Amino acid sequence: MSNLNGLIKKLRDIMRNDPGINGDAQRIEQIVWMLFLKVYDAKEEEWELDDGYTSVIPEAYRWRNWAKDDTLTGDELISFIGNFDTLKNLAVTPDMPAKKSVVKSVFEDTNQYMKNGVLLRQVVDVIEGIDLTSYENIHALGDIYETILKELQSAGSAGEFYTPRAVTDFMAQIIAPKLGETMADFAAGTGGFMVSWLRELEKQVKTAADHETWLRSAHGIEKKQFPYMLAVTNLLLHDVDEPDILHDNSLMKDVLDYTDDDRFDVILMNPPYGGNELPIVQSHFPADLADSETADLFMSVIMYRLKKGGRAAVVLPDGFLFGTDNTKANIKKKLLSEFDLHTIVRLPGSVFSPYTSITTNLLFFNHTHPTKETWFYRLDMPEGYKHFSKMKPMKLEHFRPVLDWWNHRKEIDEDGNPKAKKYTVQELMDGGYNLDLCGFPHEEEEILEPFKLIADYKKKRAALNAEIDDVLGKIEKLLQEK
């Protein structure tokens, strides 16, 4: 495992000197597409043990044939990589196995940012030096990959698709997978929920048939190219040879057209929020559920694609909980009248730091019967923490209080502190479908440094401005219709 120590630092130090790399997001994207080819090549060595396997990648572009060629460097290497359009234009047929067709999908919008061919050669050599013949090293590379994903949190807008592993693992643990069930994430990002589901479900695998069922249990859709590439590589590293993840937009199909074949036993996801979609997207939803807010649209997709008897766990911002405009109220009315929204857990405010300070919540609901009552639980910062950060991220152990509470629910904890509260569905309806009921009593306000306070204010102000613009837009539309 020694050759993996300091891998990220080595690559960062080399790429800092390249004039084509502008910021962490580009650096990470550059690393990941090369890492994908390295991992894919290692997988192909396994697949080639089966008679008749042929690579979908032309021989000249297979990692083993160019990355190991030390004479390919400088301008010649830059020129060679520039011809990687070959991988973007691979011929894909409907009957082609997913492990082959995925190559074209991965490279469709991939970018080669580096301009210095000598530095590019050095980066290739570092990645080529990773020994993937050892089981121990493959799992160590999984840890390195986790490091890459964590770095996305500080990589500007790239961080929007990263959910901390502690959160995905906790949600998968609570949802309690069963072998034979199907799970989906319609905004899969880097594949974190799919991997957490597979890890939790793998404990039940006993036979070869169980393993096949396990392999085919997780499904994903991701709209953006870069996180899609990350997700495919992530799943390959976790021994899913044919990742069932589509490069597509989950919001571009009429929700009323979904049939039982389009539904899943379990949905685990963190819908994008605060984003914008093309106006045509709203036409795929009933008028009372159509909205410009992506989190609202995804909630509707989730409800239409969860099987009868199915279970869901979803990350949502406070804006969804306290929003009482017509669309949000209609979505929550549908949620409470057709699903059992049994639990909402409020996460500590800095779980997604430094990407966002927006308070987030975990909604757990089943497609079994209408909601009768909903429990609200507030998960506080663990002792010794003022806030989470890149260096001190949330860990699965920090969920211990809610895990201990889950099957023995009380409103008051052992120390006499209010930790949870239960409301009847009638109380929620009478409150105008306001679900922002986790702050009892109000959490202690953290005193922030001036610059951090200003930064947080700007983020909150931008979110408020977006909400105001949305409301004004709807009013203007109504006036025009009259």
Protein backbone atom coordinates (compact mmCIF):
# COMPACT_ATOMS: atom_id res chain seq x y z
CA MET A 1 0.00 0.00 0.00
CA SER A 2 3.07 2.24 0.28
CA ASN A 3 2.80 3.39 -3.33
CA LEU A 4 -0.56 4.99 -2.50
CA ASN A 5 0.68 7.11 0.38
CA GLY A 6 0.70 10.76 -0.60
CA LEU A 7 -0.79 10.02 -4.05
CA ILE A 8 -3.09 13.05 -4.04
CA LYS A 9 -0.32 15.35 -2.80
CA LYS A 10 2.07 14.14 -5.54
CA LEU A 11 -0.50 14.76 -8.25
CA ARG A 12 -1.46 18.13 -6.83
CA ASP A 13 2.18 19.27 -6.68
CA ILE A 14 2.76 18.30 -10.33
CA MET A 15 -0.44 19.84 -11.66
CA ARG A 16 0.02 23.15 -9.84
CA ASN A 17 2.75 23.97 -12.36
CA ASP A 18 0.60 23.31 -15.43
CA PRO A 19 -0.84 26.46 -17.09
CA GLY A 20 -3.95 24.59 -18.24
CA ILE A 21 -5.21 23.66 -14.78
CA ASN A 22 -7.41 26.32 -13.23
CA GLY A 23 -8.54 25.30 -9.76
CA ASP A 24 -9.37 22.14 -7.83
CA ALA A 25 -12.37 21.10 -9.91
CA GLN A 26 -10.29 20.86 -13.11
CA ARG A 27 -7.46 19.13 -11.28
CA ILE A 28 -9.82 16.50 -9.89
CA GLU A 29 -11.52 15.95 -13.25
CA GLN A 30 -8.11 15.49 -14.91
CA ILE A 31 -7.12 12.90 -12.31
CA VAL A 32 -10.40 11.01 -12.43
CA TRP A 33 -10.62 10.28 -16.16
CA MET A 34 -7.08 8.86 -16.08
CA LEU A 35 -7.87 6.92 -12.93
CA PHE A 36 -10.96 5.52 -14.67
CA LEU A 37 -8.82 4.22 -17.55
CA LYS A 38 -6.35 2.68 -15.10
CA VAL A 39 -9.10 0.96 -13.09
CA TYR A 40 -10.96 -0.10 -16.26
CA ASP A 41 -7.78 -1.65 -17.65
CA ALA A 42 -7.32 -3.64 -14.43
CA LYS A 43 -10.92 -4.84 -14.71
CA GLU A 44 -10.35 -5.84 -18.34
CA GLU A 45 -7.48 -8.05 -17.24
CA GLU A 46 -10.00 -9.94 -15.09
CA TRP A 47 -12.62 -10.07 -17.83
CA GLU A 48 -10.06 -11.37 -20.34
CA LEU A 49 -9.81 -14.57 -18.30
CA ASP A 50 -13.18 -15.43 -19.83
CA ASP A 51 -12.87 -16.77 -23.38
CA GLY A 52 -14.12 -14.45 -26.07
CA TYR A 53 -13.79 -11.12 -24.27
CA THR A 54 -12.69 -8.28 -26.55
CA SER A 55 -12.15 -4.69 -25.45
CA VAL A 56 -14.42 -1.94 -26.75
CA ILE A 57 -11.43 0.44 -26.59
CA PRO A 58 -9.19 0.47 -29.68
CA GLU A 59 -5.80 -1.07 -28.89
CA ALA A 60 -3.84 2.17 -29.20
CA TYR A 61 -6.01 3.87 -26.55
CA ARG A 62 -6.02 1.11 -23.95
CA TRP A 63 -4.18 2.28 -20.83
CA ARG A 64 -1.70 -0.62 -20.98
CA ASN A 65 -0.57 0.38 -24.47
CA TRP A 66 0.09 4.11 -24.09
CA ALA A 67 0.43 4.92 -20.40
CA LYS A 68 3.38 2.56 -20.02
CA ASP A 69 5.18 4.00 -23.05
CA ASP A 70 7.81 6.28 -21.46
CA THR A 71 8.80 7.62 -24.87
CA LEU A 72 5.33 9.15 -25.34
CA THR A 73 5.73 12.55 -23.71
CA GLY A 74 5.81 16.31 -24.35
CA ASP A 75 3.88 17.67 -27.31
CA GLU A 76 3.48 14.18 -28.74
CA LEU A 77 1.58 13.05 -25.63
CA ILE A 78 -0.61 16.18 -25.67
CA SER A 79 -1.40 15.51 -29.32
CA PHE A 80 -2.17 11.84 -28.62
CA ILE A 81 -4.55 12.67 -25.77
CA GLY A 82 -6.17 15.25 -28.05
CA ASN A 83 -7.30 12.35 -30.25
CA PHE A 84 -9.32 10.80 -27.42
CA ASP A 85 -12.46 11.78 -29.35
CA THR A 86 -12.16 8.18 -30.50
CA LEU A 87 -13.49 7.12 -27.10
CA LYS A 88 -16.30 9.68 -27.26
CA ASN A 89 -17.45 8.27 -30.59
CA LEU A 90 -17.32 4.54 -29.86
CA ALA A 91 -20.01 2.54 -31.64
CA VAL A 92 -22.54 1.37 -29.06
CA THR A 93 -25.27 -1.14 -29.86
CA PRO A 94 -28.40 -1.91 -27.79
CA ASP A 95 -27.18 -5.43 -26.99
CA MET A 96 -23.73 -4.28 -25.85
CA PRO A 97 -22.97 -5.14 -22.18
CA ALA A 98 -23.03 -2.15 -19.82
CA LYS A 99 -19.39 -2.68 -18.89
CA LYS A 100 -18.49 -1.84 -22.49
CA SER A 101 -21.02 0.86 -23.37
CA VAL A 102 -20.13 2.76 -20.20
CA VAL A 103 -16.79 3.83 -21.73
CA LYS A 104 -18.47 6.04 -24.32
CA SER A 105 -20.78 7.54 -21.69
CA VAL A 106 -17.84 8.34 -19.43
CA PHE A 107 -15.89 10.15 -22.13
CA GLU A 108 -18.74 11.99 -23.90
CA ASP A 109 -17.98 15.31 -22.19
CA THR A 110 -14.61 14.62 -20.58
CA ASN A 111 -11.96 17.35 -20.80
CA GLN A 112 -8.17 17.23 -21.07
CA TYR A 113 -7.00 20.44 -19.37
CA MET A 114 -3.22 19.99 -19.10
CA LYS A 115 -1.05 21.85 -21.62
CA ASN A 116 2.44 20.79 -20.56
CA GLY A 117 3.16 17.34 -21.99
CA VAL A 118 6.12 16.71 -19.66
CA LEU A 119 3.99 17.37 -16.58
CA LEU A 120 1.19 15.26 -18.07
CA ARG A 121 3.69 12.41 -18.46
CA GLN A 122 4.57 12.74 -14.78
CA VAL A 123 0.90 12.56 -13.78
CA VAL A 124 0.38 9.46 -15.96
CA ASP A 125 3.45 7.82 -14.39
CA VAL A 126 2.17 8.41 -10.85
CA ILE A 127 -1.21 6.85 -11.67
CA GLU A 128 0.43 4.02 -13.61
CA GLY A 129 2.55 3.30 -10.54
CA ILE A 130 -0.53 2.23 -8.57
CA ASP A 131 -0.41 -1.55 -8.18
CA LEU A 132 -3.92 -2.91 -8.69
CA THR A 133 -2.89 -6.58 -8.74
CA SER A 134 -3.17 -6.77 -4.96
CA TYR A 135 -6.54 -7.04 -3.20
CA GLU A 136 -5.19 -4.87 -0.40
CA ASN A 137 -4.17 -2.14 -2.82
CA ILE A 138 -7.51 -2.09 -4.60
CA HIS A 139 -9.25 -1.46 -1.29
CA ALA A 140 -6.63 1.12 -0.35
CA LEU A 141 -7.32 2.87 -3.64
CA GLY A 142 -10.96 2.94 -2.57
CA ASP A 143 -9.84 5.00 0.42
CA ILE A 144 -7.83 7.29 -1.87
CA TYR A 145 -10.95 7.68 -3.99
CA GLU A 146 -12.90 8.67 -0.88
CA THR A 147 -10.26 11.38 -0.36
CA ILE A 148 -10.84 12.65 -3.90
CA LEU A 149 -14.59 12.79 -3.26
CA LYS A 150 -14.09 14.68 0.00
CA GLU A 151 -11.96 17.23 -1.84
CA LEU A 152 -14.98 18.01 -3.99
CA GLN A 153 -16.45 19.78 -0.99
CA SER A 154 -13.94 22.59 -1.43
CA ALA A 155 -13.92 22.52 -5.23
CA GLY A 156 -16.49 25.22 -5.86
CA SER A 157 -19.68 24.20 -7.65
CA ALA A 158 -18.33 20.67 -8.12
CA GLY A 159 -19.23 20.08 -4.47
CA GLU A 160 -22.95 20.16 -5.19
CA PHE A 161 -23.07 16.42 -5.84
CA TYR A 162 -21.11 15.20 -2.83
CA THR A 163 -22.94 13.83 0.21
CA PRO A 164 -20.71 12.89 3.17
CA ARG A 165 -20.20 9.16 3.48
CA ALA A 166 -21.41 9.18 7.11
CA VAL A 167 -24.80 10.47 5.93
CA THR A 168 -25.20 7.94 3.09
CA ASP A 169 -24.09 5.07 5.35
CA PHE A 170 -26.51 6.10 8.11
CA MET A 171 -29.44 6.36 5.71
CA ALA A 172 -28.64 2.97 4.16
CA GLN A 173 -28.39 1.43 7.62
CA ILE A 174 -31.76 2.85 8.73
CA ILE A 175 -33.48 1.83 5.48
CA ALA A 176 -32.40 -1.82 6.19
CA PRO A 177 -31.89 -3.31 2.68
CA LYS A 178 -33.19 -6.78 1.91
CA LEU A 179 -31.66 -9.07 -0.71
CA GLY A 180 -33.93 -9.08 -3.75
CA GLU A 181 -34.99 -5.44 -3.37
CA THR A 182 -34.11 -2.76 -5.93
CA MET A 183 -32.78 0.65 -4.93
CA ALA A 184 -32.54 3.86 -6.96
CA ASP A 185 -30.95 7.30 -6.77
CA PHE A 186 -32.28 9.66 -9.46
CA ALA A 187 -29.53 12.26 -8.92
CA ALA A 188 -26.74 9.80 -8.21
CA GLY A 189 -23.82 12.23 -8.16
CA THR A 190 -20.66 10.27 -7.36
CA GLY A 191 -22.60 7.11 -6.50
CA GLY A 192 -22.33 7.48 -2.73
CA PHE A 193 -25.83 6.24 -1.94
CA MET A 194 -25.46 3.30 -4.34
CA VAL A 195 -22.18 2.28 -2.69
CA SER A 196 -23.59 2.64 0.86
CA TRP A 197 -26.60 0.53 -0.14
CA LEU A 198 -24.34 -2.16 -1.63
CA ARG A 199 -22.08 -2.21 1.43
CA GLU A 200 -25.04 -2.64 3.77
CA LEU A 201 -26.71 -5.26 1.56
CA GLU A 202 -23.49 -7.24 1.02
CA LYS A 203 -23.74 -8.56 4.59
CA GLN A 204 -26.60 -10.79 3.39
CA VAL A 205 -24.71 -12.34 0.45
CA LYS A 206 -24.03 -16.02 1.09
CA THR A 207 -24.09 -17.72 -2.35
CA ALA A 208 -23.12 -17.03 -5.96
CA ALA A 209 -26.80 -16.44 -6.76
CA ASP A 210 -27.00 -13.94 -3.88
CA HIS A 211 -23.99 -12.12 -5.34
CA GLU A 212 -25.67 -11.80 -8.74
CA THR A 213 -28.79 -10.42 -7.08
CA TRP A 214 -26.62 -8.00 -5.08
CA LEU A 215 -24.83 -6.78 -8.23
CA ARG A 216 -28.12 -5.88 -9.92
CA SER A 217 -29.81 -4.23 -6.97
CA ALA A 218 -28.57 -0.60 -7.24
CA HIS A 219 -29.68 1.77 -10.00
CA GLY A 220 -28.72 5.38 -10.64
CA ILE A 221 -29.24 8.33 -12.98
CA GLU A 222 -26.89 11.31 -13.15
CA LYS A 223 -27.32 14.33 -15.39
CA LYS A 224 -23.85 15.88 -15.21
CA GLN A 225 -20.86 14.34 -16.93
CA PHE A 226 -18.18 14.76 -14.26
CA PRO A 227 -20.06 13.19 -11.33
CA TYR A 228 -21.28 10.46 -13.69
CA MET A 229 -17.65 9.56 -14.45
CA LEU A 230 -16.87 9.60 -10.73
CA ALA A 231 -19.82 7.31 -9.99
CA VAL A 232 -18.87 4.74 -12.63
CA THR A 233 -15.27 4.59 -11.34
CA ASN A 234 -16.53 4.41 -7.76
CA LEU A 235 -18.74 1.42 -8.55
CA LEU A 236 -15.99 -0.35 -10.50
CA LEU A 237 -13.73 0.04 -7.47
CA HIS A 238 -16.44 -1.61 -5.38
CA ASP A 239 -16.52 -4.68 -7.67
CA VAL A 240 -19.66 -3.73 -9.59
CA ASP A 241 -18.45 -4.72 -13.06
CA GLU A 242 -21.54 -3.44 -14.88
CA PRO A 243 -22.65 -0.26 -13.10
CA ASP A 244 -26.34 0.35 -13.71
CA ILE A 245 -26.13 4.12 -13.87
CA LEU A 246 -27.49 6.22 -16.73
CA HIS A 247 -26.09 9.53 -17.95
CA ASP A 248 -29.46 11.25 -18.20
CA ASN A 249 -31.83 13.80 -16.66
CA SER A 250 -34.40 12.19 -14.34
CA LEU A 251 -36.74 15.16 -14.73
CA MET A 252 -37.23 14.84 -18.49
CA LYS A 253 -40.02 12.28 -18.49
CA ASP A 254 -43.72 12.76 -17.72
CA VAL A 255 -44.21 11.46 -14.18
CA LEU A 256 -47.72 10.27 -15.06
CA ASP A 257 -46.23 7.86 -17.63
CA TYR A 258 -44.35 5.77 -15.06
CA THR A 259 -45.51 2.17 -14.72
CA ASP A 260 -44.72 -0.52 -12.14
CA ASP A 261 -41.65 -1.45 -14.19
CA ASP A 262 -40.23 2.04 -13.53
CA ARG A 263 -40.65 1.84 -9.75
CA PHE A 264 -38.26 0.71 -7.02
CA ASP A 265 -38.49 -0.87 -3.58
CA VAL A 266 -36.17 1.71 -2.04
CA ILE A 267 -35.14 5.24 -2.98
CA LEU A 268 -32.09 6.82 -1.33
CA MET A 269 -30.99 10.24 -2.52
CA ASN A 270 -29.98 13.83 -1.92
CA PRO A 271 -31.83 15.82 -4.61
CA PRO A 272 -30.03 18.90 -5.96
CA TYR A 273 -31.54 22.04 -4.49
CA GLY A 274 -31.26 25.69 -5.36
CA GLY A 275 -30.65 24.78 -9.01
CA ASN A 276 -32.56 25.69 -12.14
CA GLU A 277 -33.99 23.55 -14.91
CA LEU A 278 -35.21 24.46 -18.38
CA PRO A 279 -38.85 25.65 -18.44
CA ILE A 280 -39.79 22.55 -20.46
CA VAL A 281 -39.01 20.39 -17.42
CA GLN A 282 -42.08 21.69 -15.57
CA SER A 283 -44.29 20.41 -18.38
CA HIS A 284 -43.47 16.84 -17.26
CA PHE A 285 -45.33 17.37 -13.97
CA PRO A 286 -49.00 17.91 -13.05
CA ALA A 287 -49.74 21.63 -12.85
CA ASP A 288 -50.19 21.61 -9.08
CA LEU A 289 -46.75 20.02 -8.58
CA ALA A 290 -44.79 21.94 -11.24
CA ASP A 291 -42.09 24.23 -9.85
CA SER A 292 -38.72 25.69 -10.76
CA GLU A 293 -37.06 24.39 -7.57
CA THR A 294 -35.20 21.17 -8.34
CA ALA A 295 -35.70 19.66 -4.86
CA ASP A 296 -39.48 20.01 -5.24
CA LEU A 297 -39.45 18.37 -8.68
CA PHE A 298 -37.34 15.46 -7.44
CA MET A 299 -39.69 14.91 -4.50
CA SER A 300 -42.50 14.43 -7.02
CA VAL A 301 -40.37 12.01 -9.06
CA ILE A 302 -39.61 10.04 -5.90
CA MET A 303 -43.28 9.74 -5.00
CA TYR A 304 -44.23 8.58 -8.50
CA ARG A 305 -41.37 6.05 -8.69
CA LEU A 306 -41.57 4.43 -5.24
CA LYS A 307 -43.25 1.03 -5.30
CA LYS A 308 -46.31 0.31 -3.23
CA GLY A 309 -44.91 -0.91 0.07
CA GLY A 310 -41.55 0.71 -0.69
CA ARG A 311 -39.32 2.82 1.56
CA ALA A 312 -37.51 6.11 0.96
CA ALA A 313 -34.89 8.21 2.74
CA VAL A 314 -34.24 11.66 1.28
CA VAL A 315 -32.01 14.63 2.17
CA LEU A 316 -33.88 17.95 1.88
CA PRO A 317 -33.10 21.55 2.88
CA ASP A 318 -35.09 23.62 5.36
CA GLY A 319 -36.67 25.51 2.45
CA PHE A 320 -38.75 22.47 1.56
CA LEU A 321 -39.86 21.96 5.16
CA PHE A 322 -41.02 25.48 5.94
CA GLY A 323 -42.08 26.51 2.40
CA THR A 324 -45.83 27.10 2.24
CA ASP A 325 -46.30 28.36 -1.32
CA ASN A 326 -48.91 26.47 -3.32
CA THR A 327 -46.54 24.01 -5.00
CA LYS A 328 -44.63 23.05 -1.86
CA ALA A 329 -47.89 22.74 0.07
CA ASN A 330 -49.33 20.50 -2.68
CA ILE A 331 -46.24 18.27 -2.69
CA LYS A 332 -46.36 17.89 1.09
CA LYS A 333 -50.11 17.28 0.99
CA LYS A 334 -49.52 14.44 -1.48
CA LEU A 335 -46.68 13.12 0.69
CA LEU A 336 -48.82 13.04 3.85
CA SER A 337 -51.99 11.74 2.20
CA GLU A 338 -50.42 8.92 0.15
CA PHE A 339 -47.27 8.03 2.11
CA ASP A 340 -46.34 7.42 5.72
CA LEU A 341 -43.91 10.21 6.59
CA HIS A 342 -42.92 8.66 9.90
CA THR A 343 -39.65 10.47 10.74
CA ILE A 344 -37.75 13.67 10.04
CA VAL A 345 -34.21 14.03 11.40
CA ARG A 346 -32.58 17.47 11.43
CA LEU A 347 -28.84 17.33 10.84
CA PRO A 348 -26.37 19.67 12.54
CA GLY A 349 -25.88 22.86 10.54
CA SER A 350 -22.34 22.27 9.27
CA VAL A 351 -22.65 18.70 7.92
CA PHE A 352 -22.14 19.94 4.36
CA SER A 353 -19.50 22.52 5.30
CA PRO A 354 -17.68 24.16 3.61
CA TYR A 355 -19.96 23.76 0.58
CA THR A 356 -23.08 25.14 2.21
CA SER A 357 -24.33 26.28 5.60
CA ILE A 358 -27.96 25.53 4.70
CA THR A 359 -29.59 23.33 7.35
CA THR A 360 -30.54 19.94 5.98
CA ASN A 361 -32.97 17.25 7.07
CA LEU A 362 -33.49 13.54 6.47
CA LEU A 363 -37.05 12.50 5.56
CA PHE A 364 -38.00 8.84 6.01
CA PHE A 365 -41.29 7.66 4.52
CA ASN A 366 -42.97 4.49 3.28
CA HIS A 367 -45.48 3.92 0.50
CA THR A 368 -47.79 1.94 2.76
CA HIS A 369 -50.61 4.13 4.07
CA PRO A 370 -51.37 7.81 4.71
CA THR A 371 -49.39 9.49 7.47
CA LYS A 372 -50.94 9.26 10.93
CA GLU A 373 -48.14 10.86 12.93
CA THR A 374 -44.62 12.15 12.29
CA TRP A 375 -41.69 12.15 14.68
CA PHE A 376 -39.18 15.02 14.54
CA TYR A 377 -35.70 14.41 15.95
CA ARG A 378 -32.95 16.99 16.28
CA LEU A 379 -29.41 15.61 16.02
CA ASP A 380 -27.08 18.04 17.80
CA MET A 381 -23.35 18.59 17.33
CA PRO A 382 -21.33 15.88 19.10
CA GLU A 383 -19.53 16.81 22.29
CA GLY A 384 -16.24 18.57 21.62
CA TYR A 385 -17.32 19.90 18.20
CA LYS A 386 -18.32 23.48 17.42
CA HIS A 387 -18.84 22.63 13.76
CA PHE A 388 -17.84 20.06 11.16
CA SER A 389 -15.17 20.85 8.57
CA LYS A 390 -13.05 19.22 5.89
CA MET A 391 -10.51 18.25 8.54
CA LYS A 392 -13.16 17.22 11.09
CA PRO A 393 -16.02 15.75 9.01
CA MET A 394 -19.11 14.08 10.37
CA LYS A 395 -18.59 10.40 11.16
CA LEU A 396 -21.06 7.52 11.31
CA GLU A 397 -20.50 7.29 15.07
CA HIS A 398 -22.01 10.77 15.41
CA PHE A 399 -25.37 9.24 14.48
CA ARG A 400 -25.29 7.00 17.56
CA PRO A 401 -27.85 9.12 19.51
CA VAL A 402 -30.49 8.84 16.78
CA LEU A 403 -29.71 5.13 16.26
CA ASP A 404 -30.25 4.51 19.98
CA TRP A 405 -33.49 6.52 19.86
CA TRP A 406 -34.89 5.02 16.65
CA ASN A 407 -36.50 1.89 18.12
CA HIS A 408 -37.19 3.37 21.57
CA ARG A 409 -38.76 6.72 20.81
CA LYS A 410 -39.26 9.30 23.53
CA GLU A 411 -39.66 13.06 23.45
CA ILE A 412 -37.30 13.56 26.42
CA ASP A 413 -33.82 12.01 26.62
CA GLU A 414 -32.25 10.42 29.70
CA ASP A 415 -30.89 13.79 30.84
CA GLY A 416 -34.32 15.38 30.72
CA ASN A 417 -33.63 17.34 27.51
CA PRO A 418 -36.22 17.62 24.72
CA LYS A 419 -34.73 15.70 21.77
CA ALA A 420 -37.78 14.72 19.75
CA LYS A 421 -41.41 15.63 19.26
CA LYS A 422 -44.37 13.85 17.71
CA TYR A 423 -47.16 15.54 15.73
CA THR A 424 -50.37 14.09 14.35
CA VAL A 425 -51.05 14.54 10.66
CA GLN A 426 -53.99 16.79 11.55
CA GLU A 427 -51.62 19.11 13.45
CA LEU A 428 -49.33 19.23 10.41
CA MET A 429 -52.26 20.01 8.12
CA ASP A 430 -53.57 22.69 10.48
CA GLY A 431 -50.10 24.25 10.44
CA GLY A 432 -50.30 24.77 6.68
CA TYR A 433 -47.98 21.81 5.96
CA ASN A 434 -45.05 23.50 7.69
CA LEU A 435 -42.66 20.64 8.54
CA ASP A 436 -39.93 22.83 10.01
CA LEU A 437 -40.56 21.53 13.52
CA CYS A 438 -37.20 20.14 14.64
CA GLY A 439 -35.85 23.16 16.54
CA PHE A 440 -37.13 22.52 20.07
CA PRO A 441 -35.95 24.42 21.93
CA HIS A 442 -34.00 26.63 19.54
CA GLU A 443 -30.46 25.40 19.05
CA GLU A 444 -27.71 27.47 20.61
CA GLU A 445 -26.57 30.07 18.09
CA GLU A 446 -22.93 29.72 17.06
CA ILE A 447 -20.92 32.94 17.16
CA LEU A 448 -19.08 33.16 13.86
CA GLU A 449 -16.02 35.12 12.86
CA PRO A 450 -16.94 38.31 10.92
CA PHE A 451 -15.79 37.05 7.49
CA LYS A 452 -17.61 33.72 7.99
CA LEU A 453 -20.71 35.60 9.17
CA ILE A 454 -20.66 37.79 6.04
CA ALA A 455 -20.16 34.76 3.77
CA ASP A 456 -23.08 32.93 5.39
CA TYR A 457 -25.25 36.03 5.12
CA LYS A 458 -24.49 36.34 1.39
CA LYS A 459 -25.45 32.69 0.81
CA LYS A 460 -28.70 33.05 2.75
CA ARG A 461 -29.47 36.34 1.01
CA ALA A 462 -28.90 34.74 -2.41
CA ALA A 463 -31.26 31.89 -1.49
CA LEU A 464 -33.89 34.39 -0.30
CA ASN A 465 -33.54 36.46 -3.47
CA ALA A 466 -34.07 33.31 -5.54
CA GLU A 467 -37.28 32.53 -3.61
CA ILE A 468 -38.52 36.11 -4.03
CA ASP A 469 -37.78 36.02 -7.77
CA ASP A 470 -39.64 32.73 -8.04
CA VAL A 471 -42.73 34.14 -6.30
CA LEU A 472 -42.65 37.34 -8.39
CA GLY A 473 -42.33 35.26 -11.54
CA LYS A 474 -45.42 33.24 -10.64
CA ILE A 475 -47.37 36.41 -9.84
CA GLU A 476 -46.36 37.93 -13.18
CA LYS A 477 -47.41 34.75 -14.97
CA LEU A 478 -50.83 34.82 -13.28
CA LEU A 479 -51.33 38.48 -14.21
CA GLN A 480 -50.44 37.75 -17.84
CA GLU A 481 -52.93 34.87 -17.94
CA LYS A 482 -55.68 37.21 -16.66
